[in-house]
Amino acid sequence: MSVQVENLEKNMAKLTVEVGTEEVEKALEAAYKKNRSKINVPGFRKGKVPRAIVEKMYGPSIFYEDAVNVMIPNAYADAAEESKLDIVSQPDIDIVQIEKGKPFIFTAMVAVKPEVILGEYKGIEIEKIDTEVTEEEIDAEINKERDNNARTITVEDRAVEKGDMTIIDFEGFCDGAAFEGGKGEDYPLTIGSGTFIPGFEDQLIGAEIGKEVTVDVTFPEEYQAKELAGKPAQFKVTVKEIKIKELPELDDEFAKDVSEFDTLEEYRADVKKNLEEQKEKEADSKREEAAIDKVIENAQMEIPDLMVETQTRQMADDFARRITQQGLSVEQYFQFTGLNRETFLEQMRPQAVRRIQSRLVLEKIAETENIEVSDERFDEEVEKMAQNYQMEVDKVKEMMGEAEQKQLRDDLAVMEAVKLIKESVKEV
């Protein structure tokens, strides 16, 4: 295998990779073996047709796609390592030549880690963050606890009001026909929660139990089901049940029930103390974010689009894994929010850019300040990981390859760079 590297503008590079004919032949043979059980030729038993016969009947190209899929992963990995480039994106592959008896040639467009020119990063000035806790905030926190301890009461003598918890049956129609995914039974819906399409919940206010009502809505232009996007629809809805919350009295008995304190005054003081701690913690995060934003603003870097696309996809995949763990599919999420994958990725792009910028400037600061992570600090972090995973420390270390260990050390150096910035921040 050979690789040629062409450095392009905007921190992009093109790798031209050539795989020798011997490897091509191995890949074609592997593709043949993978597919021979599916090939039927008169006069031969299934799975026993010689490769030469298959290629004569259908042409050698019948195996090209599978052969390419065999060759590219290893060839690209070897080429990326040989190139010595600091690649920060998934490759954009283009096939140049695939032909029996000839070398396999492909190109891989990749983003290369941008060079960062730092500006000022010590003594950064940020706007002072207010951490005072107001009486209104204390009241709001106590009311949350009252809400958590409220009794649920069924209401039967009135129509739906805003804030009611309802159980509904519904069926949606577009152009007079029912559409897929538009029907539900015994669906719990809190009026005013914004769970459904805009306008749906408001039109249920005044609906009576057991009586069908018609709700007219228009699907958002960016709705995930393209056949419904921007179209008017009607829902036939029956409210089957109405429930409300009855809040507990705000007195000493309530304080005893929800806390370790005997009086409402003591409980209120504790709520204030906890809010102050929470606000200070949030303020610390805001200071860090504001300071890093300033450092980014003062720095110079040119981020390639392919790097942003890769980061955006990774963040979207992480999000999908998290909501799946919570029992919600990505398709359901798109249906509830009216988004589709394209608009979702577009919304996530600014976050991806900021994450890249942040990482780049912090890595550059760590390099500039010669921040090194001691073995003791590294071991301390591995011990934390072992505790989190409920594993032996030695076992965690065994599972970590050189790349993972380097990544952990880099992450710890970045954390030290953040600490350095924060220690010199000036609030004005």
Protein backbone atom coordinates (compact mmCIF):
# COMPACT_ATOMS: atom_id res chain seq x y z
CA MET A 1 0.00 0.00 0.00
CA SER A 2 1.13 3.56 -0.69
CA VAL A 3 -0.28 6.92 0.30
CA GLN A 4 0.18 10.41 -1.09
CA VAL A 5 -0.74 13.43 1.03
CA GLU A 6 -1.94 16.71 -0.47
CA ASN A 7 -2.39 19.57 1.97
CA LEU A 8 -5.28 21.81 1.00
CA GLU A 9 -6.69 25.13 2.17
CA LYS A 10 -8.74 25.59 5.35
CA ASN A 11 -6.98 22.78 7.24
CA MET A 12 -8.08 20.07 4.83
CA ALA A 13 -5.96 17.30 3.32
CA LYS A 14 -6.47 14.68 0.63
CA LEU A 15 -4.99 11.22 1.02
CA THR A 16 -4.62 9.23 -2.19
CA VAL A 17 -4.32 5.60 -1.22
CA GLU A 18 -3.21 2.79 -3.54
CA VAL A 19 -3.75 -0.84 -2.54
CA GLY A 20 -1.68 -3.42 -4.40
CA THR A 21 -3.14 -6.02 -6.79
CA GLU A 22 -2.37 -8.86 -4.38
CA GLU A 23 -4.57 -7.30 -1.69
CA VAL A 24 -7.24 -6.58 -4.30
CA GLU A 25 -7.29 -10.24 -5.27
CA LYS A 26 -7.62 -11.28 -1.61
CA ALA A 27 -10.54 -8.89 -1.16
CA LEU A 28 -12.29 -10.14 -4.31
CA GLU A 29 -11.87 -13.73 -3.13
CA ALA A 30 -13.30 -12.77 0.28
CA ALA A 31 -16.26 -11.09 -1.45
CA TYR A 32 -16.83 -14.22 -3.54
CA LYS A 33 -16.79 -16.50 -0.48
CA LYS A 34 -19.20 -14.20 1.31
CA ASN A 35 -21.73 -14.30 -1.53
CA ARG A 36 -21.32 -17.74 -3.16
CA SER A 37 -24.05 -19.35 -1.07
CA LYS A 38 -26.53 -16.89 -2.61
CA ILE A 39 -25.57 -17.51 -6.26
CA ASN A 40 -27.57 -19.91 -8.43
CA VAL A 41 -26.19 -21.12 -11.77
CA PRO A 42 -27.80 -24.02 -13.71
CA GLY A 43 -25.65 -27.17 -13.53
CA PHE A 44 -24.02 -26.29 -10.22
CA ARG A 45 -25.08 -26.93 -6.68
CA LYS A 46 -25.92 -23.80 -4.69
CA GLY A 47 -22.75 -22.40 -3.14
CA LYS A 48 -20.49 -24.47 -5.38
CA VAL A 49 -20.30 -22.23 -8.45
CA PRO A 50 -16.62 -21.45 -9.22
CA ARG A 51 -15.71 -17.79 -9.01
CA ALA A 52 -14.45 -17.76 -12.58
CA ILE A 53 -17.86 -18.94 -13.84
CA VAL A 54 -19.67 -16.26 -11.82
CA GLU A 55 -17.34 -13.52 -13.11
CA LYS A 56 -17.75 -14.76 -16.70
CA MET A 57 -21.55 -14.68 -16.43
CA TYR A 58 -21.95 -11.41 -14.48
CA GLY A 59 -18.59 -9.67 -14.89
CA PRO A 60 -15.90 -9.19 -12.20
CA SER A 61 -17.68 -6.05 -11.00
CA ILE A 62 -20.25 -8.23 -9.23
CA PHE A 63 -17.80 -8.49 -6.31
CA TYR A 64 -16.38 -4.96 -6.40
CA GLU A 65 -18.66 -3.37 -3.79
CA ASP A 66 -18.02 -6.02 -1.15
CA ALA A 67 -14.31 -6.05 -1.97
CA VAL A 68 -14.12 -2.29 -1.50
CA ASN A 69 -15.85 -2.62 1.87
CA VAL A 70 -13.23 -5.20 2.85
CA MET A 71 -10.25 -3.08 1.79
CA ILE A 72 -11.11 0.48 2.82
CA PRO A 73 -11.21 0.26 6.66
CA ASN A 74 -7.72 -1.19 7.10
CA ALA A 75 -6.22 0.68 4.16
CA TYR A 76 -7.53 4.01 5.42
CA ALA A 77 -6.37 3.32 8.99
CA ASP A 78 -2.86 2.47 7.74
CA ALA A 79 -2.82 5.50 5.44
CA ALA A 80 -3.95 7.84 8.23
CA GLU A 81 -1.16 6.56 10.48
CA GLU A 82 1.46 6.76 7.73
CA SER A 83 0.41 10.32 6.82
CA LYS A 84 1.42 11.59 10.30
CA LEU A 85 -1.50 14.03 10.09
CA ASP A 86 -3.51 14.99 13.17
CA ILE A 87 -6.85 13.99 11.62
CA VAL A 88 -9.95 15.36 13.37
CA SER A 89 -12.83 14.14 11.18
CA GLN A 90 -14.31 11.10 9.59
CA PRO A 91 -12.95 10.65 6.05
CA ASP A 92 -14.94 11.55 2.94
CA ILE A 93 -14.09 8.59 0.68
CA ASP A 94 -14.12 8.67 -3.13
CA ILE A 95 -13.33 5.60 -5.25
CA VAL A 96 -10.85 6.37 -8.07
CA GLN A 97 -10.15 2.87 -9.43
CA ILE A 98 -11.42 -0.62 -8.70
CA GLU A 99 -10.69 -3.24 -11.32
CA LYS A 100 -9.58 -6.85 -11.25
CA GLY A 101 -5.85 -7.16 -11.89
CA LYS A 102 -5.16 -3.49 -11.11
CA PRO A 103 -4.38 -1.60 -7.91
CA PHE A 104 -7.35 -0.27 -5.94
CA ILE A 105 -7.15 3.51 -5.61
CA PHE A 106 -9.29 5.78 -3.46
CA THR A 107 -9.04 9.24 -1.98
CA ALA A 108 -9.94 10.32 1.54
CA MET A 109 -10.69 13.96 2.28
CA VAL A 110 -9.98 14.69 5.94
CA ALA A 111 -9.91 17.67 8.27
CA VAL A 112 -6.63 18.35 10.03
CA LYS A 113 -6.40 19.81 13.52
CA PRO A 114 -6.25 23.61 13.11
CA GLU A 115 -3.40 25.67 14.49
CA VAL A 116 -4.51 28.04 17.24
CA ILE A 117 -3.03 31.49 17.82
CA LEU A 118 -3.87 32.50 21.37
CA GLY A 119 -4.75 36.00 22.42
CA GLU A 120 -5.19 37.09 26.02
CA TYR A 121 -6.23 34.23 28.31
CA LYS A 122 -5.10 35.38 31.75
CA GLY A 123 -6.88 38.08 33.70
CA ILE A 124 -10.00 37.80 31.56
CA GLU A 125 -12.72 40.28 32.56
CA ILE A 126 -16.31 39.05 32.76
CA GLU A 127 -19.55 40.53 33.99
CA LYS A 128 -20.20 39.98 37.71
CA ILE A 129 -22.77 37.23 38.33
CA ASP A 130 -25.49 37.86 40.89
CA THR A 131 -25.88 34.99 43.38
CA GLU A 132 -28.38 36.63 45.74
CA VAL A 133 -31.40 34.45 46.58
CA THR A 134 -34.73 36.30 46.55
CA GLU A 135 -37.84 35.62 48.63
CA GLU A 136 -39.69 34.84 45.41
CA GLU A 137 -37.18 32.11 44.57
CA ILE A 138 -37.55 30.60 48.02
CA ASP A 139 -41.35 30.62 47.61
CA ALA A 140 -41.04 28.97 44.21
CA GLU A 141 -38.83 26.19 45.58
CA ILE A 142 -41.20 25.52 48.48
CA ASN A 143 -44.16 25.47 46.10
CA LYS A 144 -42.38 22.84 44.01
CA GLU A 145 -42.19 20.66 47.11
CA ARG A 146 -45.86 21.32 47.82
CA ASP A 147 -46.64 20.27 44.26
CA ASN A 148 -44.59 17.08 44.70
CA ASN A 149 -46.61 16.26 47.82
CA ALA A 150 -49.99 17.19 46.38
CA ARG A 151 -52.92 14.79 46.30
CA THR A 152 -54.44 13.93 42.95
CA ILE A 153 -58.22 14.37 42.90
CA THR A 154 -60.60 13.29 40.16
CA VAL A 155 -62.98 16.04 38.96
CA GLU A 156 -66.31 15.10 37.44
CA ASP A 157 -68.48 18.22 37.74
CA ARG A 158 -66.81 20.67 35.35
CA ALA A 159 -65.13 21.08 31.98
CA VAL A 160 -61.39 21.08 31.26
CA GLU A 161 -59.33 24.00 32.55
CA LYS A 162 -55.71 24.96 31.96
CA GLY A 163 -53.37 22.94 34.16
CA ASP A 164 -55.71 19.95 34.38
CA MET A 165 -54.29 16.45 34.04
CA THR A 166 -56.49 14.67 31.51
CA ILE A 167 -56.83 11.23 29.97
CA ILE A 168 -57.88 11.45 26.32
CA ASP A 169 -58.64 9.36 23.26
CA PHE A 170 -57.81 11.01 19.94
CA GLU A 171 -57.63 10.33 16.23
CA GLY A 172 -56.17 12.66 13.62
CA PHE A 173 -57.32 13.22 10.05
CA CYS A 174 -55.62 15.01 7.17
CA ASP A 175 -57.55 15.68 3.96
CA GLY A 176 -60.35 13.63 5.47
CA ALA A 177 -58.26 10.49 5.96
CA ALA A 178 -56.77 9.09 9.17
CA PHE A 179 -52.97 9.17 9.17
CA GLU A 180 -50.39 6.84 10.68
CA GLY A 181 -49.35 7.68 14.22
CA GLY A 182 -52.30 10.02 14.69
CA LYS A 183 -54.35 7.81 17.01
CA GLY A 184 -54.08 7.27 20.74
CA GLU A 185 -56.14 5.83 23.56
CA ASP A 186 -55.98 6.57 27.30
CA TYR A 187 -53.29 9.15 26.62
CA PRO A 188 -52.24 11.27 29.64
CA LEU A 189 -52.07 14.96 28.75
CA THR A 190 -51.57 17.94 31.05
CA ILE A 191 -53.26 20.98 29.52
CA GLY A 192 -50.70 23.71 28.96
CA SER A 193 -47.68 21.39 29.00
CA GLY A 194 -46.91 22.04 25.32
CA THR A 195 -46.61 18.32 24.64
CA PHE A 196 -48.78 18.37 21.52
CA ILE A 197 -48.73 20.49 18.36
CA PRO A 198 -49.26 24.23 19.07
CA GLY A 199 -52.97 25.01 19.50
CA PHE A 200 -54.04 21.45 20.31
CA GLU A 201 -54.16 21.73 24.10
CA ASP A 202 -55.72 25.21 24.18
CA GLN A 203 -58.70 23.94 22.18
CA LEU A 204 -59.43 21.30 24.84
CA ILE A 205 -60.13 23.98 27.45
CA GLY A 206 -63.88 23.87 28.01
CA ALA A 207 -64.26 20.29 26.77
CA GLU A 208 -66.61 18.15 28.84
CA ILE A 209 -65.98 14.60 30.00
CA GLY A 210 -67.22 11.97 27.55
CA LYS A 211 -68.12 14.45 24.79
CA GLU A 212 -66.16 14.37 21.54
CA VAL A 213 -64.67 17.67 20.40
CA THR A 214 -62.96 18.63 17.15
CA VAL A 215 -59.52 20.22 17.34
CA ASP A 216 -58.15 22.03 14.28
CA VAL A 217 -54.37 22.39 13.98
CA THR A 218 -51.72 22.98 11.35
CA PHE A 219 -48.59 20.87 11.41
CA PRO A 220 -45.29 22.82 11.55
CA GLU A 221 -43.51 23.35 8.23
CA GLU A 222 -40.52 21.40 9.58
CA TYR A 223 -42.61 18.50 10.93
CA GLN A 224 -40.70 15.20 10.79
CA ALA A 225 -43.44 13.40 8.81
CA LYS A 226 -42.98 15.22 5.51
CA GLU A 227 -46.38 14.12 4.18
CA LEU A 228 -47.98 16.11 7.02
CA ALA A 229 -45.59 19.08 7.19
CA GLY A 230 -47.41 22.40 6.87
CA LYS A 231 -50.81 20.76 6.37
CA PRO A 232 -54.03 21.45 8.30
CA ALA A 233 -55.47 18.54 10.26
CA GLN A 234 -58.42 17.71 12.45
CA PHE A 235 -58.39 15.64 15.61
CA LYS A 236 -61.45 13.99 17.10
CA VAL A 237 -60.79 14.08 20.85
CA THR A 238 -62.71 12.67 23.80
CA VAL A 239 -61.73 13.68 27.32
CA LYS A 240 -62.24 10.59 29.48
CA GLU A 241 -60.93 11.85 32.80
CA ILE A 242 -59.94 15.10 34.54
CA LYS A 243 -57.67 15.26 37.57
CA ILE A 244 -56.28 18.15 39.59
CA LYS A 245 -53.71 18.50 42.34
CA GLU A 246 -54.69 19.54 45.87
CA LEU A 247 -51.71 21.23 47.54
CA PRO A 248 -50.92 20.69 51.26
CA GLU A 249 -51.27 23.60 53.69
CA LEU A 250 -48.09 25.64 54.15
CA ASP A 251 -47.49 25.22 57.88
CA ASP A 252 -45.23 23.52 60.43
CA GLU A 253 -46.82 20.14 59.74
CA PHE A 254 -45.86 20.44 56.09
CA ALA A 255 -42.27 21.30 57.11
CA LYS A 256 -42.13 18.18 59.32
CA ASP A 257 -43.45 16.00 56.49
CA VAL A 258 -40.95 17.12 53.84
CA SER A 259 -37.83 17.86 55.90
CA GLU A 260 -35.92 17.18 59.09
CA PHE A 261 -37.14 20.45 60.61
CA ASP A 262 -39.97 21.07 63.07
CA THR A 263 -41.02 24.52 61.93
CA LEU A 264 -41.76 26.21 58.63
CA GLU A 265 -39.27 28.97 59.54
CA GLU A 266 -36.42 26.48 59.95
CA TYR A 267 -37.37 24.68 56.73
CA ARG A 268 -37.49 28.00 54.85
CA ALA A 269 -34.00 28.92 56.12
CA ASP A 270 -32.65 25.57 54.93
CA VAL A 271 -34.25 26.06 51.51
CA LYS A 272 -32.53 29.45 51.27
CA LYS A 273 -29.16 27.93 52.22
CA ASN A 274 -29.49 25.20 49.58
CA LEU A 275 -30.49 27.72 46.92
CA GLU A 276 -27.47 29.87 47.76
CA GLU A 277 -25.18 26.85 47.33
CA GLN A 278 -26.90 25.93 44.09
CA LYS A 279 -26.66 29.49 42.75
CA GLU A 280 -22.97 29.69 43.62
CA LYS A 281 -22.33 26.41 41.81
CA GLU A 282 -24.26 27.61 38.76
CA ALA A 283 -22.41 30.94 38.89
CA ASP A 284 -19.09 29.09 38.90
CA SER A 285 -20.12 27.26 35.72
CA LYS A 286 -21.24 30.53 34.14
CA ARG A 287 -17.94 32.21 35.05
CA GLU A 288 -16.07 29.35 33.43
CA GLU A 289 -18.21 29.48 30.30
CA ALA A 290 -17.97 33.28 30.01
CA ALA A 291 -14.20 33.22 30.51
CA ILE A 292 -13.67 30.51 27.90
CA ASP A 293 -15.92 32.42 25.47
CA LYS A 294 -13.62 35.44 25.92
CA VAL A 295 -10.54 33.30 25.35
CA ILE A 296 -12.11 31.92 22.16
CA GLU A 297 -12.98 35.45 21.05
CA ASN A 298 -9.37 36.55 21.58
CA ALA A 299 -7.91 33.57 19.70
CA GLN A 300 -7.52 32.88 15.99
CA MET A 301 -8.30 29.54 14.35
CA GLU A 302 -9.82 28.24 11.14
CA ILE A 303 -12.09 25.24 11.73
CA PRO A 304 -12.79 23.03 8.68
CA ASP A 305 -16.41 22.22 7.91
CA LEU A 306 -15.75 18.46 7.93
CA MET A 307 -14.52 18.72 11.52
CA VAL A 308 -17.74 20.48 12.51
CA GLU A 309 -19.86 17.90 10.67
CA THR A 310 -18.09 15.04 12.47
CA GLN A 311 -18.53 16.70 15.88
CA THR A 312 -22.20 17.44 15.15
CA ARG A 313 -22.91 13.82 14.20
CA GLN A 314 -21.13 12.56 17.31
CA MET A 315 -23.20 14.85 19.52
CA ALA A 316 -26.40 13.76 17.76
CA ASP A 317 -25.48 10.10 18.26
CA ASP A 318 -24.76 10.73 21.96
CA PHE A 319 -28.15 12.45 22.31
CA ALA A 320 -29.89 9.54 20.59
CA ARG A 321 -28.25 7.05 22.98
CA ARG A 322 -29.34 9.09 26.02
CA ILE A 323 -32.99 9.38 25.05
CA THR A 324 -33.07 5.71 24.02
CA GLN A 325 -31.92 4.82 27.53
CA GLN A 326 -34.87 6.87 28.80
CA GLY A 327 -37.28 4.77 26.70
CA LEU A 328 -37.86 7.29 23.89
CA SER A 329 -36.87 6.62 20.28
CA VAL A 330 -35.36 9.30 18.06
CA GLU A 331 -38.37 9.01 15.76
CA GLN A 332 -40.72 9.69 18.68
CA TYR A 333 -38.60 12.65 19.75
CA PHE A 334 -38.81 14.13 16.24
CA GLN A 335 -42.57 13.54 16.19
CA PHE A 336 -43.09 15.29 19.52
CA THR A 337 -40.84 18.26 18.66
CA GLY A 338 -41.79 18.64 14.99
CA LEU A 339 -38.11 18.39 14.00
CA ASN A 340 -36.38 16.11 11.51
CA ARG A 341 -32.76 14.94 11.41
CA GLU A 342 -31.64 17.78 9.14
CA THR A 343 -33.12 20.57 11.28
CA PHE A 344 -31.94 18.83 14.45
CA LEU A 345 -28.35 18.69 13.17
CA GLU A 346 -28.57 22.33 12.08
CA GLN A 347 -29.70 23.36 15.56
CA MET A 348 -26.85 21.36 17.10
CA ARG A 349 -24.15 22.82 14.82
CA PRO A 350 -23.43 26.00 16.91
CA GLN A 351 -22.91 23.82 20.00
CA ALA A 352 -20.52 21.64 18.00
CA VAL A 353 -18.52 24.68 16.83
CA ARG A 354 -18.28 26.03 20.38
CA ARG A 355 -17.19 22.65 21.74
CA ILE A 356 -14.43 22.42 19.11
CA GLN A 357 -13.26 25.98 19.75
CA SER A 358 -13.20 25.41 23.50
CA ARG A 359 -11.19 22.22 23.25
CA LEU A 360 -8.68 23.73 20.81
CA VAL A 361 -7.92 26.84 22.87
CA LEU A 362 -7.67 24.86 26.11
CA GLU A 363 -5.30 22.34 24.54
CA LYS A 364 -3.19 25.23 23.24
CA ILE A 365 -3.09 26.86 26.68
CA ALA A 366 -2.02 23.54 28.22
CA GLU A 367 0.75 23.32 25.62
CA THR A 368 1.81 26.95 26.08
CA GLU A 369 1.87 26.67 29.87
CA ASN A 370 3.70 23.32 29.70
CA ILE A 371 0.99 21.69 31.78
CA GLU A 372 1.93 18.09 32.50
CA VAL A 373 -0.21 15.53 34.29
CA SER A 374 1.65 13.65 37.00
CA ASP A 375 1.35 9.90 37.37
CA GLU A 376 -0.26 10.48 40.76
CA ARG A 377 -2.98 12.69 39.23
CA PHE A 378 -3.50 10.13 36.46
CA ASP A 379 -3.82 7.26 38.96
CA GLU A 380 -6.25 9.30 41.04
CA GLU A 381 -8.53 9.71 38.04
CA VAL A 382 -8.30 6.03 37.14
CA GLU A 383 -9.32 5.19 40.72
CA LYS A 384 -12.42 7.37 40.31
CA MET A 385 -13.25 5.56 37.08
CA ALA A 386 -12.82 2.21 38.81
CA GLN A 387 -15.22 3.27 41.57
CA ASN A 388 -17.78 4.48 39.03
CA TYR A 389 -17.61 1.24 37.07
CA GLN A 390 -17.31 -0.87 40.25
CA MET A 391 -14.15 -2.50 38.92
CA GLU A 392 -10.63 -3.12 40.17
CA VAL A 393 -8.15 -0.33 39.36
CA ASP A 394 -5.74 -2.77 37.67
CA LYS A 395 -8.57 -4.08 35.51
CA VAL A 396 -9.45 -0.54 34.35
CA LYS A 397 -5.81 0.09 33.46
CA GLU A 398 -5.65 -3.19 31.53
CA MET A 399 -8.69 -2.15 29.48
CA MET A 400 -7.13 1.21 28.61
CA GLY A 401 -4.89 1.16 25.56
CA GLU A 402 -2.23 3.75 24.80
CA ALA A 403 -4.74 5.94 22.94
CA GLU A 404 -7.21 5.90 25.87
CA GLN A 405 -4.48 6.70 28.39
CA LYS A 406 -3.22 9.59 26.25
CA GLN A 407 -6.80 10.88 25.89
CA LEU A 408 -7.27 10.81 29.67
CA ARG A 409 -4.01 12.68 30.24
CA ASP A 410 -5.04 15.26 27.61
CA ASP A 411 -8.43 15.67 29.31
CA LEU A 412 -6.77 16.22 32.69
CA ALA A 413 -4.39 18.79 31.17
CA VAL A 414 -7.38 20.62 29.70
CA MET A 415 -9.02 20.65 33.14
CA GLU A 416 -5.87 22.28 34.54
CA ALA A 417 -6.00 24.87 31.76
CA VAL A 418 -9.59 25.70 32.76
CA LYS A 419 -8.47 26.06 36.38
CA LEU A 420 -5.68 28.42 35.33
CA ILE A 421 -8.12 30.66 33.44
CA LYS A 422 -10.68 30.72 36.26
CA GLU A 423 -8.12 31.57 38.95
CA SER A 424 -7.22 34.79 37.13
CA VAL A 425 -10.73 35.88 36.10
CA LYS A 426 -11.79 39.40 37.07
CA GLU A 427 -15.50 40.10 37.64
CA VAL A 428 -16.46 43.70 36.80
